[in-house]
């Protein structure tokens, strides 16, 4: 059983690269099989639901990873709000490999897979946004302003990530991260 999980985990690591780079629609079974070194039949052995099952498993895994690396920092109430926001930004940056990688949650949210997984993505993102809003409220912002601040932070991170991809320059994302962290430093 453990060996089966290790094989599946190894396959997921190879599959996520294709989904991040090609999106759900662009990730063909031929490309997915090639990335794993398996034939299509062997790939179906591990994922009987095909591409849809692969995307679902990868989405759940990515949500958990993004939660652990970034959003979990927002709930560490023994740290100051500024420290939690700073750790969140660092965690998000790590998740997207300092701007060199895509956010798989965002990739899946943009394609036809969103028809199947949109509710999960929307509900999870609403929870994450609420965590950010609470931290801004702890900084003394009123609810409406805290919501705008949370949205602005998400807009800047995801916007900078997309722009970095469009420019082919991960450093664009990292410059945004530095600006955000400087602005946080002024708050603390």
N, C-alpha and C. Protein backbone atom coordinates (compact mmCIF):
# COMPACT_ATOMS: atom_id res chain seq x y z
N UNK A 1 0.82 -1.20 0.00
CA UNK A 1 0.00 0.00 0.00
C UNK A 1 0.86 1.26 0.00
N UNK A 2 1.92 1.28 0.86
CA UNK A 2 2.79 2.45 0.92
C UNK A 2 3.50 2.66 -0.41
N UNK A 3 3.90 1.56 -1.06
CA UNK A 3 4.57 1.68 -2.34
C UNK A 3 3.63 2.27 -3.39
N UNK A 4 2.34 1.86 -3.35
CA UNK A 4 1.35 2.40 -4.28
C UNK A 4 1.18 3.90 -4.07
N UNK A 5 1.13 4.34 -2.79
CA UNK A 5 1.01 5.76 -2.51
C UNK A 5 2.24 6.52 -3.00
N UNK A 6 3.42 5.94 -2.81
CA UNK A 6 4.64 6.61 -3.27
C UNK A 6 4.66 6.74 -4.78
N UNK A 7 4.22 5.70 -5.50
CA UNK A 7 4.15 5.76 -6.96
C UNK A 7 3.16 6.84 -7.37
N UNK A 8 2.00 6.85 -6.73
CA UNK A 8 0.97 7.85 -7.06
C UNK A 8 1.46 9.26 -6.76
N UNK A 9 2.13 9.44 -5.62
CA UNK A 9 2.68 10.76 -5.29
C UNK A 9 3.72 11.20 -6.32
N UNK A 10 4.56 10.27 -6.75
CA UNK A 10 5.56 10.59 -7.77
C UNK A 10 4.88 10.97 -9.09
N UNK A 11 3.83 10.25 -9.43
CA UNK A 11 3.08 10.58 -10.65
C UNK A 11 2.45 11.97 -10.53
N UNK A 12 1.90 12.28 -9.38
CA UNK A 12 1.27 13.59 -9.18
C UNK A 12 2.28 14.72 -9.34
N UNK A 13 3.49 14.51 -8.85
CA UNK A 13 4.54 15.53 -9.00
C UNK A 13 4.85 15.78 -10.46
N UNK A 14 4.80 14.75 -11.27
CA UNK A 14 5.07 14.90 -12.70
C UNK A 14 3.86 15.50 -13.42
N UNK A 15 2.67 15.11 -13.00
CA UNK A 15 1.44 15.60 -13.65
C UNK A 15 1.19 17.08 -13.37
N UNK A 16 1.52 17.52 -12.16
CA UNK A 16 1.23 18.91 -11.79
C UNK A 16 1.97 19.88 -12.71
N UNK A 17 3.16 19.48 -13.15
CA UNK A 17 3.93 20.35 -14.04
C UNK A 17 3.17 20.59 -15.34
N UNK A 18 2.58 19.54 -15.88
CA UNK A 18 1.83 19.67 -17.14
C UNK A 18 0.59 20.53 -16.94
N UNK A 19 -0.15 20.29 -15.87
CA UNK A 19 -1.36 21.08 -15.62
C UNK A 19 -1.03 22.55 -15.36
N UNK A 20 0.04 22.81 -14.62
CA UNK A 20 0.41 24.21 -14.35
C UNK A 20 0.81 24.93 -15.63
N UNK A 21 1.53 24.25 -16.48
CA UNK A 21 2.02 24.89 -17.70
C UNK A 21 0.99 24.95 -18.82
N UNK A 22 0.12 23.95 -18.90
CA UNK A 22 -0.81 23.84 -20.04
C UNK A 22 -2.25 24.16 -19.68
N UNK A 23 -2.57 24.18 -18.38
CA UNK A 23 -3.96 24.35 -17.98
C UNK A 23 -4.70 23.04 -18.14
N UNK A 24 -5.96 23.02 -17.73
CA UNK A 24 -6.74 21.79 -17.82
C UNK A 24 -6.98 21.40 -19.27
N UNK A 25 -7.43 22.35 -20.09
CA UNK A 25 -7.74 22.04 -21.48
C UNK A 25 -6.50 21.63 -22.28
N UNK A 26 -5.40 22.29 -22.00
CA UNK A 26 -4.18 22.05 -22.76
C UNK A 26 -3.42 20.80 -22.37
N UNK A 27 -3.76 20.24 -21.22
CA UNK A 27 -3.07 19.04 -20.74
C UNK A 27 -3.73 17.82 -21.38
N UNK A 28 -3.11 17.33 -22.45
CA UNK A 28 -3.67 16.16 -23.14
C UNK A 28 -3.19 14.88 -22.47
N UNK A 29 -3.92 13.81 -22.70
CA UNK A 29 -3.50 12.52 -22.13
C UNK A 29 -2.14 12.09 -22.66
N UNK A 30 -1.85 12.43 -23.91
CA UNK A 30 -0.55 12.12 -24.48
C UNK A 30 0.55 12.84 -23.69
N UNK A 31 0.34 14.14 -23.41
CA UNK A 31 1.34 14.90 -22.65
C UNK A 31 1.45 14.40 -21.21
N UNK A 32 0.31 14.08 -20.61
CA UNK A 32 0.32 13.59 -19.24
C UNK A 32 1.04 12.25 -19.15
N UNK A 33 0.78 11.38 -20.09
CA UNK A 33 1.46 10.08 -20.11
C UNK A 33 2.96 10.26 -20.34
N UNK A 34 3.31 11.13 -21.27
CA UNK A 34 4.73 11.38 -21.55
C UNK A 34 5.45 11.93 -20.33
N UNK A 35 4.79 12.81 -19.59
CA UNK A 35 5.41 13.40 -18.39
C UNK A 35 5.70 12.36 -17.33
N UNK A 36 4.87 11.33 -17.28
CA UNK A 36 5.06 10.29 -16.26
C UNK A 36 5.91 9.13 -16.75
N UNK A 37 6.09 9.05 -18.06
CA UNK A 37 6.81 7.92 -18.62
C UNK A 37 5.96 6.67 -18.73
N UNK A 38 4.66 6.84 -18.54
CA UNK A 38 3.74 5.71 -18.63
C UNK A 38 2.95 5.78 -19.92
N UNK A 39 2.41 4.66 -20.31
CA UNK A 39 1.45 4.65 -21.41
C UNK A 39 0.10 5.12 -20.88
N UNK A 40 -0.81 5.46 -21.78
CA UNK A 40 -2.13 5.93 -21.36
C UNK A 40 -2.85 4.87 -20.52
N UNK A 41 -2.75 3.60 -20.90
CA UNK A 41 -3.43 2.53 -20.15
C UNK A 41 -2.90 2.45 -18.72
N UNK A 42 -1.59 2.59 -18.56
CA UNK A 42 -1.01 2.55 -17.22
C UNK A 42 -1.43 3.77 -16.41
N UNK A 43 -1.53 4.89 -17.07
CA UNK A 43 -1.97 6.10 -16.38
C UNK A 43 -3.41 5.93 -15.90
N UNK A 44 -4.26 5.33 -16.73
CA UNK A 44 -5.65 5.06 -16.34
C UNK A 44 -5.71 4.04 -15.19
N UNK A 45 -4.73 3.16 -15.11
CA UNK A 45 -4.69 2.22 -13.99
C UNK A 45 -4.59 2.98 -12.67
N UNK A 46 -3.75 4.02 -12.64
CA UNK A 46 -3.56 4.82 -11.43
C UNK A 46 -4.68 5.84 -11.23
N UNK A 47 -5.26 6.31 -12.32
CA UNK A 47 -6.32 7.33 -12.27
C UNK A 47 -7.46 6.89 -13.18
N UNK A 48 -8.32 5.96 -12.70
CA UNK A 48 -9.39 5.43 -13.55
C UNK A 48 -10.34 6.51 -14.08
N UNK A 49 -10.44 7.62 -13.38
CA UNK A 49 -11.30 8.72 -13.83
C UNK A 49 -10.64 9.60 -14.86
N UNK A 50 -9.45 9.24 -15.29
CA UNK A 50 -8.75 9.98 -16.34
C UNK A 50 -8.29 11.36 -15.90
N UNK A 51 -8.26 12.25 -16.86
CA UNK A 51 -7.75 13.61 -16.64
C UNK A 51 -8.55 14.34 -15.56
N UNK A 52 -9.86 14.12 -15.52
CA UNK A 52 -10.70 14.78 -14.52
C UNK A 52 -10.30 14.36 -13.11
N UNK A 53 -10.02 13.08 -12.93
CA UNK A 53 -9.59 12.61 -11.61
C UNK A 53 -8.22 13.17 -11.25
N UNK A 54 -7.32 13.20 -12.23
CA UNK A 54 -5.99 13.77 -11.98
C UNK A 54 -6.11 15.22 -11.52
N UNK A 55 -6.92 15.99 -12.22
CA UNK A 55 -7.10 17.40 -11.87
C UNK A 55 -7.71 17.54 -10.48
N UNK A 56 -8.68 16.71 -10.14
CA UNK A 56 -9.33 16.78 -8.84
C UNK A 56 -8.34 16.48 -7.71
N UNK A 57 -7.53 15.45 -7.90
CA UNK A 57 -6.55 15.07 -6.89
C UNK A 57 -5.50 16.19 -6.75
N UNK A 58 -5.04 16.70 -7.87
CA UNK A 58 -4.04 17.77 -7.84
C UNK A 58 -4.60 19.05 -7.22
N UNK A 59 -5.87 19.34 -7.50
CA UNK A 59 -6.49 20.53 -6.91
C UNK A 59 -6.54 20.41 -5.39
N UNK A 60 -7.02 19.27 -4.90
CA UNK A 60 -7.08 19.08 -3.44
C UNK A 60 -5.68 19.18 -2.82
N UNK A 61 -4.72 18.59 -3.48
CA UNK A 61 -3.33 18.64 -2.98
C UNK A 61 -2.80 20.08 -2.99
N UNK A 62 -3.10 20.83 -4.04
CA UNK A 62 -2.64 22.21 -4.14
C UNK A 62 -3.31 23.10 -3.11
N UNK A 63 -4.60 22.89 -2.87
CA UNK A 63 -5.30 23.66 -1.83
C UNK A 63 -4.64 23.41 -0.48
N UNK A 64 -4.35 22.14 -0.18
CA UNK A 64 -3.71 21.80 1.09
C UNK A 64 -2.31 22.42 1.19
N UNK A 65 -1.57 22.38 0.10
CA UNK A 65 -0.22 22.94 0.12
C UNK A 65 -0.25 24.47 0.27
N UNK A 66 -1.13 25.12 -0.44
CA UNK A 66 -1.25 26.58 -0.33
C UNK A 66 -1.71 26.97 1.07
N UNK A 67 -2.61 26.20 1.64
CA UNK A 67 -3.05 26.44 3.02
C UNK A 67 -1.87 26.34 3.97
N UNK A 68 -1.13 25.26 3.85
CA UNK A 68 -0.01 25.01 4.77
C UNK A 68 1.11 26.03 4.60
N UNK A 69 1.46 26.34 3.36
CA UNK A 69 2.59 27.23 3.11
C UNK A 69 2.28 28.70 3.35
N UNK A 70 1.05 29.13 3.08
CA UNK A 70 0.75 30.56 3.12
C UNK A 70 -0.37 30.92 4.10
N UNK A 71 -1.56 30.43 3.82
CA UNK A 71 -2.72 30.92 4.55
C UNK A 71 -2.74 30.51 6.02
N UNK A 72 -2.12 29.40 6.39
CA UNK A 72 -2.09 28.98 7.79
C UNK A 72 -1.40 30.01 8.67
N UNK A 73 -0.47 30.77 8.11
CA UNK A 73 0.24 31.80 8.89
C UNK A 73 -0.71 32.88 9.40
N UNK A 74 -1.80 33.09 8.70
CA UNK A 74 -2.74 34.14 9.09
C UNK A 74 -3.44 33.82 10.40
N UNK A 75 -3.50 32.55 10.77
CA UNK A 75 -4.21 32.13 11.98
C UNK A 75 -3.30 31.92 13.18
N UNK A 76 -2.04 32.23 13.04
CA UNK A 76 -1.08 32.06 14.15
C UNK A 76 -1.14 33.30 15.04
N UNK A 77 -2.11 33.31 15.94
CA UNK A 77 -2.44 34.52 16.70
C UNK A 77 -1.39 34.90 17.74
N UNK A 78 -0.40 34.07 17.96
CA UNK A 78 0.68 34.45 18.89
C UNK A 78 1.65 35.43 18.22
N UNK A 79 1.50 35.61 16.92
CA UNK A 79 2.34 36.55 16.18
C UNK A 79 1.53 37.80 15.90
N UNK A 80 2.22 38.89 15.67
CA UNK A 80 1.51 40.14 15.36
C UNK A 80 0.86 40.04 13.98
N UNK A 81 -0.16 40.86 13.73
CA UNK A 81 -0.79 40.84 12.40
C UNK A 81 0.21 41.10 11.28
N UNK A 82 1.14 42.02 11.49
CA UNK A 82 2.13 42.33 10.46
C UNK A 82 3.04 41.12 10.21
N UNK A 83 3.44 40.44 11.28
CA UNK A 83 4.28 39.24 11.12
C UNK A 83 3.52 38.14 10.36
N UNK A 84 2.23 38.01 10.64
CA UNK A 84 1.43 36.99 9.96
C UNK A 84 1.28 37.31 8.48
N UNK A 85 1.04 38.58 8.16
CA UNK A 85 0.93 38.97 6.75
C UNK A 85 2.26 38.76 6.03
N UNK A 86 3.34 39.10 6.69
CA UNK A 86 4.67 38.91 6.12
C UNK A 86 4.93 37.43 5.84
N UNK A 87 4.59 36.57 6.80
CA UNK A 87 4.79 35.13 6.62
C UNK A 87 3.87 34.59 5.52
N UNK A 88 2.67 35.12 5.43
CA UNK A 88 1.74 34.73 4.36
C UNK A 88 2.34 35.05 2.99
N UNK A 89 2.87 36.27 2.84
CA UNK A 89 3.46 36.67 1.56
C UNK A 89 4.65 35.77 1.23
N UNK A 90 5.50 35.50 2.22
CA UNK A 90 6.64 34.60 1.99
C UNK A 90 6.17 33.20 1.59
N UNK A 91 5.14 32.71 2.27
CA UNK A 91 4.62 31.38 1.97
C UNK A 91 4.02 31.29 0.58
N UNK A 92 3.30 32.33 0.18
CA UNK A 92 2.73 32.35 -1.17
C UNK A 92 3.85 32.38 -2.20
N UNK A 93 4.85 33.20 -1.92
CA UNK A 93 6.00 33.29 -2.83
C UNK A 93 6.69 31.94 -2.96
N UNK A 94 6.85 31.23 -1.86
CA UNK A 94 7.45 29.89 -1.91
C UNK A 94 6.58 28.94 -2.72
N UNK A 95 5.26 29.02 -2.53
CA UNK A 95 4.35 28.12 -3.25
C UNK A 95 4.47 28.30 -4.76
N UNK A 96 4.66 29.52 -5.21
CA UNK A 96 4.77 29.77 -6.65
C UNK A 96 6.23 29.87 -7.10
N UNK A 97 7.12 29.31 -6.31
CA UNK A 97 8.56 29.26 -6.63
C UNK A 97 9.10 30.63 -7.02
N UNK A 98 8.81 31.61 -6.17
CA UNK A 98 9.26 32.99 -6.36
C UNK A 98 8.88 33.53 -7.74
N UNK A 99 7.68 33.18 -8.19
CA UNK A 99 7.18 33.70 -9.45
C UNK A 99 7.50 32.86 -10.67
N UNK A 100 8.23 31.77 -10.48
CA UNK A 100 8.60 30.92 -11.62
C UNK A 100 7.53 29.89 -11.95
N UNK A 101 6.60 29.67 -11.03
CA UNK A 101 5.57 28.64 -11.23
C UNK A 101 4.19 29.28 -11.17
N UNK A 102 3.21 28.55 -11.65
CA UNK A 102 1.81 29.00 -11.58
C UNK A 102 1.17 28.52 -10.29
N UNK A 103 0.09 29.16 -9.89
CA UNK A 103 -0.76 28.68 -8.81
C UNK A 103 -1.78 27.74 -9.46
N UNK A 104 -1.70 26.46 -9.15
CA UNK A 104 -2.59 25.49 -9.79
C UNK A 104 -4.06 25.78 -9.48
N UNK A 105 -4.35 26.27 -8.29
CA UNK A 105 -5.73 26.62 -7.94
C UNK A 105 -6.25 27.66 -8.92
N UNK A 106 -5.45 28.66 -9.22
CA UNK A 106 -5.86 29.70 -10.17
C UNK A 106 -5.96 29.15 -11.59
N UNK A 107 -5.05 28.27 -11.96
CA UNK A 107 -5.08 27.68 -13.30
C UNK A 107 -6.38 26.91 -13.51
N UNK A 108 -6.74 26.08 -12.55
CA UNK A 108 -7.95 25.28 -12.69
C UNK A 108 -9.20 26.16 -12.62
N UNK A 109 -9.14 27.23 -11.85
CA UNK A 109 -10.29 28.15 -11.74
C UNK A 109 -10.60 28.83 -13.06
N UNK A 110 -9.64 28.90 -13.97
CA UNK A 110 -9.83 29.62 -15.23
C UNK A 110 -10.33 28.74 -16.36
N UNK A 111 -10.24 27.44 -16.24
CA UNK A 111 -10.59 26.57 -17.34
C UNK A 111 -11.94 25.91 -17.15
N UNK A 112 -12.23 24.98 -18.04
CA UNK A 112 -13.51 24.28 -17.97
C UNK A 112 -13.60 23.39 -16.74
N UNK A 113 -12.47 23.06 -16.12
CA UNK A 113 -12.50 22.29 -14.88
C UNK A 113 -13.20 23.07 -13.78
N UNK A 114 -13.27 24.39 -13.93
CA UNK A 114 -13.97 25.21 -12.95
C UNK A 114 -15.46 24.87 -12.92
N UNK A 115 -16.00 24.35 -14.02
CA UNK A 115 -17.40 23.94 -14.03
C UNK A 115 -17.64 22.83 -13.00
N UNK A 116 -16.64 21.98 -12.82
CA UNK A 116 -16.74 20.87 -11.88
C UNK A 116 -16.24 21.27 -10.50
N UNK A 117 -15.15 22.03 -10.45
CA UNK A 117 -14.48 22.32 -9.18
C UNK A 117 -14.67 23.76 -8.70
N UNK A 118 -15.47 24.54 -9.42
CA UNK A 118 -15.63 25.95 -9.09
C UNK A 118 -16.12 26.20 -7.68
N UNK A 119 -17.08 25.40 -7.22
CA UNK A 119 -17.61 25.61 -5.87
C UNK A 119 -16.53 25.40 -4.82
N UNK A 120 -15.75 24.33 -4.98
CA UNK A 120 -14.66 24.08 -4.04
C UNK A 120 -13.68 25.25 -4.04
N UNK A 121 -13.30 25.69 -5.21
CA UNK A 121 -12.33 26.79 -5.33
C UNK A 121 -12.91 28.07 -4.73
N UNK A 122 -14.14 28.40 -5.11
CA UNK A 122 -14.76 29.63 -4.61
C UNK A 122 -14.92 29.61 -3.10
N UNK A 123 -15.38 28.50 -2.54
CA UNK A 123 -15.56 28.41 -1.09
C UNK A 123 -14.24 28.47 -0.36
N UNK A 124 -13.23 27.78 -0.88
CA UNK A 124 -11.92 27.81 -0.24
C UNK A 124 -11.33 29.21 -0.30
N UNK A 125 -11.45 29.84 -1.44
CA UNK A 125 -10.88 31.17 -1.58
C UNK A 125 -11.61 32.18 -0.69
N UNK A 126 -12.92 32.01 -0.54
CA UNK A 126 -13.68 32.89 0.36
C UNK A 126 -13.20 32.73 1.80
N UNK A 127 -12.91 31.49 2.21
CA UNK A 127 -12.37 31.26 3.56
C UNK A 127 -11.01 31.93 3.72
N UNK A 128 -10.16 31.76 2.70
CA UNK A 128 -8.83 32.38 2.77
C UNK A 128 -8.95 33.90 2.82
N UNK A 129 -9.83 34.45 2.02
CA UNK A 129 -10.04 35.90 2.01
C UNK A 129 -10.52 36.37 3.37
N UNK A 130 -11.42 35.62 3.99
CA UNK A 130 -11.91 35.97 5.33
C UNK A 130 -10.78 35.99 6.35
N UNK A 131 -9.85 35.06 6.24
CA UNK A 131 -8.69 35.06 7.14
C UNK A 131 -7.86 36.32 6.97
N UNK A 132 -7.67 36.73 5.73
CA UNK A 132 -6.93 37.97 5.47
C UNK A 132 -7.68 39.17 6.04
N UNK A 133 -8.97 39.22 5.84
CA UNK A 133 -9.78 40.33 6.34
C UNK A 133 -9.64 40.43 7.86
N UNK A 134 -9.72 39.29 8.56
CA UNK A 134 -9.60 39.30 10.03
C UNK A 134 -8.25 39.89 10.47
N UNK A 135 -7.19 39.55 9.76
CA UNK A 135 -5.87 40.08 10.13
C UNK A 135 -5.85 41.60 9.94
N UNK A 136 -6.40 42.07 8.85
CA UNK A 136 -6.45 43.53 8.65
C UNK A 136 -7.33 44.21 9.69
N UNK A 137 -8.38 43.55 10.12
CA UNK A 137 -9.20 44.12 11.20
C UNK A 137 -8.39 44.20 12.50
N UNK A 138 -7.55 43.18 12.74
CA UNK A 138 -6.70 43.22 13.92
C UNK A 138 -5.70 44.38 13.86
N UNK A 139 -5.39 44.82 12.65
CA UNK A 139 -4.51 45.99 12.49
C UNK A 139 -5.27 47.30 12.77
N UNK A 140 -6.57 47.19 13.01
CA UNK A 140 -7.37 48.36 13.34
C UNK A 140 -8.24 48.87 12.22
N UNK A 141 -8.26 48.17 11.10
CA UNK A 141 -9.08 48.62 9.98
C UNK A 141 -10.54 48.20 10.20
N UNK A 142 -11.45 49.07 9.81
CA UNK A 142 -12.87 48.73 9.86
C UNK A 142 -13.14 47.67 8.80
N UNK A 143 -14.24 46.95 8.94
CA UNK A 143 -14.55 45.78 8.10
C UNK A 143 -14.45 46.09 6.60
N UNK A 144 -15.08 47.17 6.16
CA UNK A 144 -15.08 47.48 4.72
C UNK A 144 -13.66 47.76 4.23
N UNK A 145 -12.90 48.52 4.99
CA UNK A 145 -11.51 48.83 4.62
C UNK A 145 -10.65 47.57 4.67
N UNK A 146 -10.88 46.72 5.66
CA UNK A 146 -10.12 45.48 5.79
C UNK A 146 -10.38 44.58 4.57
N UNK A 147 -11.62 44.55 4.10
CA UNK A 147 -11.95 43.76 2.91
C UNK A 147 -11.22 44.30 1.69
N UNK A 148 -11.18 45.62 1.57
CA UNK A 148 -10.45 46.22 0.44
C UNK A 148 -8.96 45.93 0.53
N UNK A 149 -8.40 45.98 1.73
CA UNK A 149 -6.98 45.70 1.91
C UNK A 149 -6.66 44.24 1.57
N UNK A 150 -7.52 43.33 2.01
CA UNK A 150 -7.32 41.91 1.69
C UNK A 150 -7.40 41.69 0.19
N UNK A 151 -8.40 42.28 -0.44
CA UNK A 151 -8.55 42.13 -1.89
C UNK A 151 -7.36 42.73 -2.63
N UNK A 152 -6.89 43.87 -2.15
CA UNK A 152 -5.75 44.50 -2.81
C UNK A 152 -4.50 43.62 -2.70
N UNK A 153 -4.29 43.01 -1.55
CA UNK A 153 -3.13 42.13 -1.39
C UNK A 153 -3.22 40.93 -2.35
N UNK A 154 -4.39 40.31 -2.42
CA UNK A 154 -4.57 39.19 -3.34
C UNK A 154 -4.43 39.65 -4.79
N UNK A 155 -5.01 40.80 -5.12
CA UNK A 155 -4.89 41.34 -6.47
C UNK A 155 -3.42 41.57 -6.85
N UNK A 156 -2.67 42.12 -5.93
CA UNK A 156 -1.27 42.41 -6.23
C UNK A 156 -0.46 41.13 -6.40
N UNK A 157 -0.67 40.16 -5.52
CA UNK A 157 0.09 38.91 -5.64
C UNK A 157 -0.26 38.16 -6.92
N UNK A 158 -1.56 37.96 -7.14
CA UNK A 158 -1.96 37.20 -8.33
C UNK A 158 -1.72 38.00 -9.61
N UNK A 159 -1.91 39.31 -9.56
CA UNK A 159 -1.64 40.14 -10.73
C UNK A 159 -0.16 40.15 -11.08
N UNK A 160 0.68 40.26 -10.07
CA UNK A 160 2.13 40.25 -10.31
C UNK A 160 2.58 38.88 -10.84
N UNK A 161 1.95 37.82 -10.34
CA UNK A 161 2.29 36.48 -10.82
C UNK A 161 1.93 36.34 -12.30
N UNK A 162 0.74 36.79 -12.66
CA UNK A 162 0.33 36.73 -14.07
C UNK A 162 1.22 37.60 -14.94
N UNK A 163 1.51 38.81 -14.49
CA UNK A 163 2.36 39.70 -15.27
C UNK A 163 3.76 39.11 -15.43
N UNK A 164 4.28 38.50 -14.37
CA UNK A 164 5.59 37.85 -14.46
C UNK A 164 5.58 36.76 -15.52
N UNK A 165 4.47 36.02 -15.58
CA UNK A 165 4.34 34.97 -16.60
C UNK A 165 4.26 35.58 -18.00
N UNK A 166 3.50 36.65 -18.14
CA UNK A 166 3.36 37.30 -19.45
C UNK A 166 4.68 37.89 -19.94
N UNK A 167 5.48 38.39 -18.99
CA UNK A 167 6.77 38.96 -19.35
C UNK A 167 7.88 37.91 -19.43
N UNK A 168 7.61 36.72 -18.91
CA UNK A 168 8.66 35.71 -18.83
C UNK A 168 9.75 36.11 -17.85
N UNK A 169 9.36 36.84 -16.80
CA UNK A 169 10.32 37.40 -15.85
C UNK A 169 9.84 37.20 -14.42
N UNK A 170 10.24 36.09 -13.76
CA UNK A 170 9.83 35.87 -12.37
C UNK A 170 10.27 36.98 -11.42
N UNK A 171 11.31 37.71 -11.80
CA UNK A 171 11.77 38.81 -10.95
C UNK A 171 10.71 39.90 -10.81
N UNK A 172 9.83 40.01 -11.81
CA UNK A 172 8.73 40.97 -11.69
C UNK A 172 7.88 40.64 -10.46
N UNK A 173 7.59 39.37 -10.26
CA UNK A 173 6.82 38.94 -9.10
C UNK A 173 7.58 39.26 -7.81
N UNK A 174 8.86 38.97 -7.79
CA UNK A 174 9.64 39.20 -6.58
C UNK A 174 9.78 40.69 -6.25
N UNK A 175 9.78 41.54 -7.27
CA UNK A 175 9.79 42.98 -6.99
C UNK A 175 8.49 43.39 -6.31
N UNK A 176 7.38 42.81 -6.73
CA UNK A 176 6.10 43.07 -6.09
C UNK A 176 6.13 42.60 -4.63
N UNK A 177 6.68 41.42 -4.40
CA UNK A 177 6.78 40.89 -3.04
C UNK A 177 7.59 41.85 -2.17
N UNK A 178 8.69 42.35 -2.68
CA UNK A 178 9.51 43.30 -1.92
C UNK A 178 8.74 44.58 -1.60
N UNK A 179 7.97 45.08 -2.58
CA UNK A 179 7.15 46.29 -2.34
C UNK A 179 6.12 46.04 -1.24
N UNK A 180 5.47 44.89 -1.32
CA UNK A 180 4.46 44.56 -0.33
C UNK A 180 5.06 44.45 1.07
N UNK A 181 6.24 43.84 1.15
CA UNK A 181 6.88 43.67 2.44
C UNK A 181 7.38 45.01 3.00
N UNK A 182 7.82 45.89 2.13
CA UNK A 182 8.21 47.25 2.58
C UNK A 182 6.99 47.98 3.14
N UNK A 183 5.86 47.85 2.46
CA UNK A 183 4.63 48.50 2.93
C UNK A 183 4.21 47.92 4.28
N UNK A 184 4.37 46.63 4.45
CA UNK A 184 4.05 46.01 5.76
C UNK A 184 4.99 46.53 6.84
N UNK A 185 6.25 46.68 6.49
CA UNK A 185 7.22 47.20 7.46
C UNK A 185 6.82 48.56 7.99
N UNK A 186 6.20 49.36 7.14
CA UNK A 186 5.75 50.69 7.57
C UNK A 186 4.57 50.58 8.55
N UNK A 187 3.83 49.48 8.49
CA UNK A 187 2.70 49.28 9.40
C UNK A 187 3.16 48.83 10.78
N UNK A 188 4.27 48.07 10.80
CA UNK A 188 4.72 47.47 12.06
C UNK A 188 5.69 48.33 12.74
